[in-house]
């Protein structure tokens, strides 16, 4: 197994890692390994297109027509 040394960490990160390790009942080193594994080898997020194609067919377009189609659309900045 390889080793990894991380230098110049903000103390807040170290404290957050230690607190998280306590919550999960493991050492800070084990927590660090788990975080790295999850971030780098964990399941990838779906793309927006994948999420859209996985949505069920729940009705016809007419079921979702605007009630007040004559009113201009509001523009948000």
N, C-alpha and C. Protein backbone atom coordinates (compact mmCIF):
# COMPACT_ATOMS: atom_id res chain seq x y z
N UNK A 1 0.85 -1.19 0.00
CA UNK A 1 0.00 0.00 0.00
C UNK A 1 0.88 1.24 0.00
N UNK A 2 0.41 2.25 -0.67
CA UNK A 2 1.13 3.51 -0.75
C UNK A 2 0.73 4.41 0.41
N UNK A 3 1.56 5.40 0.66
CA UNK A 3 1.27 6.40 1.69
C UNK A 3 1.10 7.75 1.03
N UNK A 4 0.37 8.61 1.71
CA UNK A 4 0.12 9.95 1.19
C UNK A 4 0.29 10.94 2.33
N UNK A 5 1.08 11.95 2.10
CA UNK A 5 1.28 13.00 3.09
C UNK A 5 0.71 14.30 2.52
N UNK A 6 -0.15 14.93 3.26
CA UNK A 6 -0.77 16.18 2.82
C UNK A 6 -0.27 17.29 3.73
N UNK A 7 0.40 18.27 3.16
CA UNK A 7 0.97 19.37 3.94
C UNK A 7 0.14 20.63 3.81
N UNK A 8 0.36 21.54 4.75
CA UNK A 8 -0.21 22.89 4.71
C UNK A 8 -1.74 22.90 4.67
N UNK A 9 -2.36 22.03 5.46
CA UNK A 9 -3.82 22.05 5.55
C UNK A 9 -4.27 23.11 6.53
N UNK A 10 -5.37 23.74 6.21
CA UNK A 10 -6.00 24.67 7.13
C UNK A 10 -6.43 23.89 8.36
N UNK A 11 -6.22 24.44 9.52
CA UNK A 11 -6.54 23.77 10.77
C UNK A 11 -8.03 23.41 10.85
N UNK A 12 -8.88 24.21 10.22
CA UNK A 12 -10.31 23.92 10.22
C UNK A 12 -10.62 22.61 9.50
N UNK A 13 -9.86 22.32 8.46
CA UNK A 13 -10.05 21.06 7.73
C UNK A 13 -9.66 19.88 8.60
N UNK A 14 -8.55 20.02 9.29
CA UNK A 14 -8.08 18.95 10.18
C UNK A 14 -9.11 18.70 11.28
N UNK A 15 -9.61 19.75 11.88
CA UNK A 15 -10.61 19.61 12.95
C UNK A 15 -11.90 18.99 12.42
N UNK A 16 -12.32 19.39 11.22
CA UNK A 16 -13.53 18.83 10.62
C UNK A 16 -13.34 17.34 10.34
N UNK A 17 -12.16 16.96 9.88
CA UNK A 17 -11.85 15.56 9.62
C UNK A 17 -11.90 14.75 10.91
N UNK A 18 -11.31 15.28 11.97
CA UNK A 18 -11.32 14.59 13.27
C UNK A 18 -12.74 14.45 13.81
N UNK A 19 -13.55 15.49 13.68
CA UNK A 19 -14.93 15.44 14.16
C UNK A 19 -15.74 14.42 13.37
N UNK A 20 -15.53 14.39 12.07
CA UNK A 20 -16.23 13.42 11.23
C UNK A 20 -15.81 12.00 11.58
N UNK A 21 -14.52 11.82 11.85
CA UNK A 21 -14.01 10.50 12.23
C UNK A 21 -14.66 10.02 13.53
N UNK A 22 -14.81 10.92 14.48
CA UNK A 22 -15.46 10.56 15.75
C UNK A 22 -16.90 10.14 15.50
N UNK A 23 -17.60 10.89 14.65
CA UNK A 23 -19.00 10.54 14.34
C UNK A 23 -19.13 9.17 13.71
N UNK A 24 -18.12 8.79 12.92
CA UNK A 24 -18.15 7.49 12.24
C UNK A 24 -17.40 6.41 13.01
N UNK A 25 -16.95 6.75 14.21
CA UNK A 25 -16.26 5.80 15.09
C UNK A 25 -15.04 5.16 14.44
N UNK A 26 -14.19 6.00 13.86
CA UNK A 26 -12.94 5.52 13.29
C UNK A 26 -11.86 6.58 13.45
N UNK A 27 -10.65 6.21 13.15
CA UNK A 27 -9.53 7.15 13.30
C UNK A 27 -9.59 8.21 12.20
N UNK A 28 -8.88 9.30 12.42
CA UNK A 28 -8.81 10.35 11.40
C UNK A 28 -8.18 9.80 10.13
N UNK A 29 -7.20 8.94 10.28
CA UNK A 29 -6.55 8.35 9.11
C UNK A 29 -7.52 7.47 8.32
N UNK A 30 -8.31 6.67 9.03
CA UNK A 30 -9.31 5.83 8.36
C UNK A 30 -10.38 6.69 7.69
N UNK A 31 -10.75 7.78 8.34
CA UNK A 31 -11.74 8.69 7.76
C UNK A 31 -11.19 9.34 6.50
N UNK A 32 -9.92 9.71 6.55
CA UNK A 32 -9.26 10.31 5.38
C UNK A 32 -9.27 9.32 4.22
N UNK A 33 -8.94 8.06 4.48
CA UNK A 33 -8.96 7.03 3.43
C UNK A 33 -10.37 6.88 2.86
N UNK A 34 -11.37 6.85 3.74
CA UNK A 34 -12.75 6.67 3.29
C UNK A 34 -13.20 7.85 2.41
N UNK A 35 -12.84 9.06 2.81
CA UNK A 35 -13.21 10.24 2.02
C UNK A 35 -12.56 10.22 0.64
N UNK A 36 -11.28 9.87 0.60
CA UNK A 36 -10.58 9.80 -0.68
C UNK A 36 -11.20 8.73 -1.58
N UNK A 37 -11.50 7.57 -1.00
CA UNK A 37 -12.09 6.50 -1.78
C UNK A 37 -13.45 6.91 -2.33
N UNK A 38 -14.27 7.50 -1.48
CA UNK A 38 -15.60 7.93 -1.91
C UNK A 38 -15.51 8.99 -3.01
N UNK A 39 -14.63 9.96 -2.84
CA UNK A 39 -14.52 11.05 -3.81
C UNK A 39 -13.94 10.59 -5.15
N UNK A 40 -12.99 9.69 -5.09
CA UNK A 40 -12.27 9.33 -6.31
C UNK A 40 -12.75 8.04 -6.97
N UNK A 41 -13.28 7.12 -6.19
CA UNK A 41 -13.67 5.83 -6.74
C UNK A 41 -15.16 5.53 -6.60
N UNK A 42 -15.88 6.42 -5.92
CA UNK A 42 -17.30 6.20 -5.69
C UNK A 42 -18.10 6.33 -6.96
N UNK A 43 -19.39 6.08 -6.86
CA UNK A 43 -20.25 6.16 -8.06
C UNK A 43 -20.27 7.58 -8.62
N UNK A 44 -20.26 7.65 -9.92
CA UNK A 44 -20.30 8.96 -10.58
C UNK A 44 -21.73 9.47 -10.61
N UNK A 45 -21.87 10.79 -10.60
CA UNK A 45 -23.20 11.40 -10.69
C UNK A 45 -23.72 11.27 -12.10
N UNK A 46 -25.05 11.22 -12.22
CA UNK A 46 -25.68 11.17 -13.53
C UNK A 46 -25.62 12.54 -14.18
N UNK A 47 -25.56 12.55 -15.50
CA UNK A 47 -25.61 13.81 -16.23
C UNK A 47 -27.05 14.29 -16.24
N UNK A 48 -27.24 15.55 -16.57
CA UNK A 48 -28.58 16.11 -16.66
C UNK A 48 -29.41 15.35 -17.69
N UNK A 49 -28.81 15.01 -18.81
CA UNK A 49 -29.52 14.27 -19.86
C UNK A 49 -29.95 12.90 -19.34
N UNK A 50 -29.09 12.22 -18.57
CA UNK A 50 -29.45 10.91 -18.02
C UNK A 50 -30.63 11.03 -17.05
N UNK A 51 -30.63 12.07 -16.25
CA UNK A 51 -31.74 12.28 -15.31
C UNK A 51 -33.03 12.53 -16.08
N UNK A 52 -32.97 13.37 -17.10
CA UNK A 52 -34.18 13.67 -17.90
C UNK A 52 -34.73 12.42 -18.57
N UNK A 53 -33.86 11.60 -19.13
CA UNK A 53 -34.35 10.40 -19.82
C UNK A 53 -34.87 9.35 -18.85
N UNK A 54 -34.52 9.45 -17.58
CA UNK A 54 -35.00 8.46 -16.61
C UNK A 54 -36.33 8.86 -15.99
N UNK A 55 -36.82 10.07 -16.27
CA UNK A 55 -38.10 10.51 -15.72
C UNK A 55 -39.24 9.71 -16.34
N UNK A 56 -40.22 9.32 -15.54
CA UNK A 56 -41.34 8.54 -16.09
C UNK A 56 -42.27 9.43 -16.91
N UNK A 57 -43.01 8.82 -17.82
CA UNK A 57 -44.01 9.52 -18.61
C UNK A 57 -45.24 9.66 -17.73
N UNK A 58 -45.52 10.88 -17.30
CA UNK A 58 -46.60 11.09 -16.33
C UNK A 58 -47.82 11.81 -16.91
N UNK A 59 -47.88 12.00 -18.19
CA UNK A 59 -49.05 12.67 -18.76
C UNK A 59 -48.76 13.23 -20.13
N UNK A 60 -49.78 13.89 -20.66
CA UNK A 60 -49.63 14.53 -21.97
C UNK A 60 -49.26 15.99 -21.77
N UNK A 61 -48.73 16.59 -22.81
CA UNK A 61 -48.36 18.00 -22.75
C UNK A 61 -49.54 18.88 -22.35
N UNK A 62 -50.74 18.50 -22.77
CA UNK A 62 -51.92 19.30 -22.44
C UNK A 62 -52.20 19.29 -20.94
N UNK A 63 -51.73 18.28 -20.25
CA UNK A 63 -51.92 18.22 -18.80
C UNK A 63 -51.11 19.31 -18.09
N UNK A 64 -50.12 19.84 -18.77
CA UNK A 64 -49.21 20.79 -18.14
C UNK A 64 -49.25 22.17 -18.78
N UNK A 65 -50.33 22.48 -19.46
CA UNK A 65 -50.44 23.79 -20.10
C UNK A 65 -50.52 24.88 -19.04
N UNK A 66 -50.02 26.06 -19.41
CA UNK A 66 -50.10 27.21 -18.50
C UNK A 66 -51.55 27.62 -18.33
N UNK A 67 -51.94 27.94 -17.12
CA UNK A 67 -53.32 28.34 -16.84
C UNK A 67 -53.60 29.69 -17.47
N UNK A 68 -52.68 30.63 -17.34
CA UNK A 68 -52.84 31.97 -17.87
C UNK A 68 -51.84 32.16 -19.00
N UNK A 69 -52.13 31.58 -20.15
CA UNK A 69 -51.21 31.62 -21.26
C UNK A 69 -51.09 33.03 -21.85
N UNK A 70 -52.04 33.92 -21.57
CA UNK A 70 -52.01 35.28 -22.13
C UNK A 70 -51.05 36.19 -21.38
N UNK A 71 -50.77 35.89 -20.11
CA UNK A 71 -49.91 36.74 -19.32
C UNK A 71 -48.46 36.59 -19.77
N UNK A 72 -47.71 37.69 -19.85
CA UNK A 72 -46.31 37.59 -20.26
C UNK A 72 -45.50 36.84 -19.20
N UNK A 73 -44.50 36.16 -19.67
CA UNK A 73 -43.63 35.42 -18.75
C UNK A 73 -42.80 36.38 -17.94
N UNK A 74 -42.60 36.05 -16.66
CA UNK A 74 -41.76 36.90 -15.80
C UNK A 74 -40.30 36.58 -16.05
N UNK A 75 -39.50 37.60 -16.06
CA UNK A 75 -38.06 37.44 -16.27
C UNK A 75 -37.35 37.68 -14.95
N UNK A 76 -36.53 36.73 -14.56
CA UNK A 76 -35.76 36.85 -13.32
C UNK A 76 -34.30 37.12 -13.66
N UNK A 77 -33.70 38.00 -12.94
CA UNK A 77 -32.27 38.28 -13.18
C UNK A 77 -31.41 37.33 -12.41
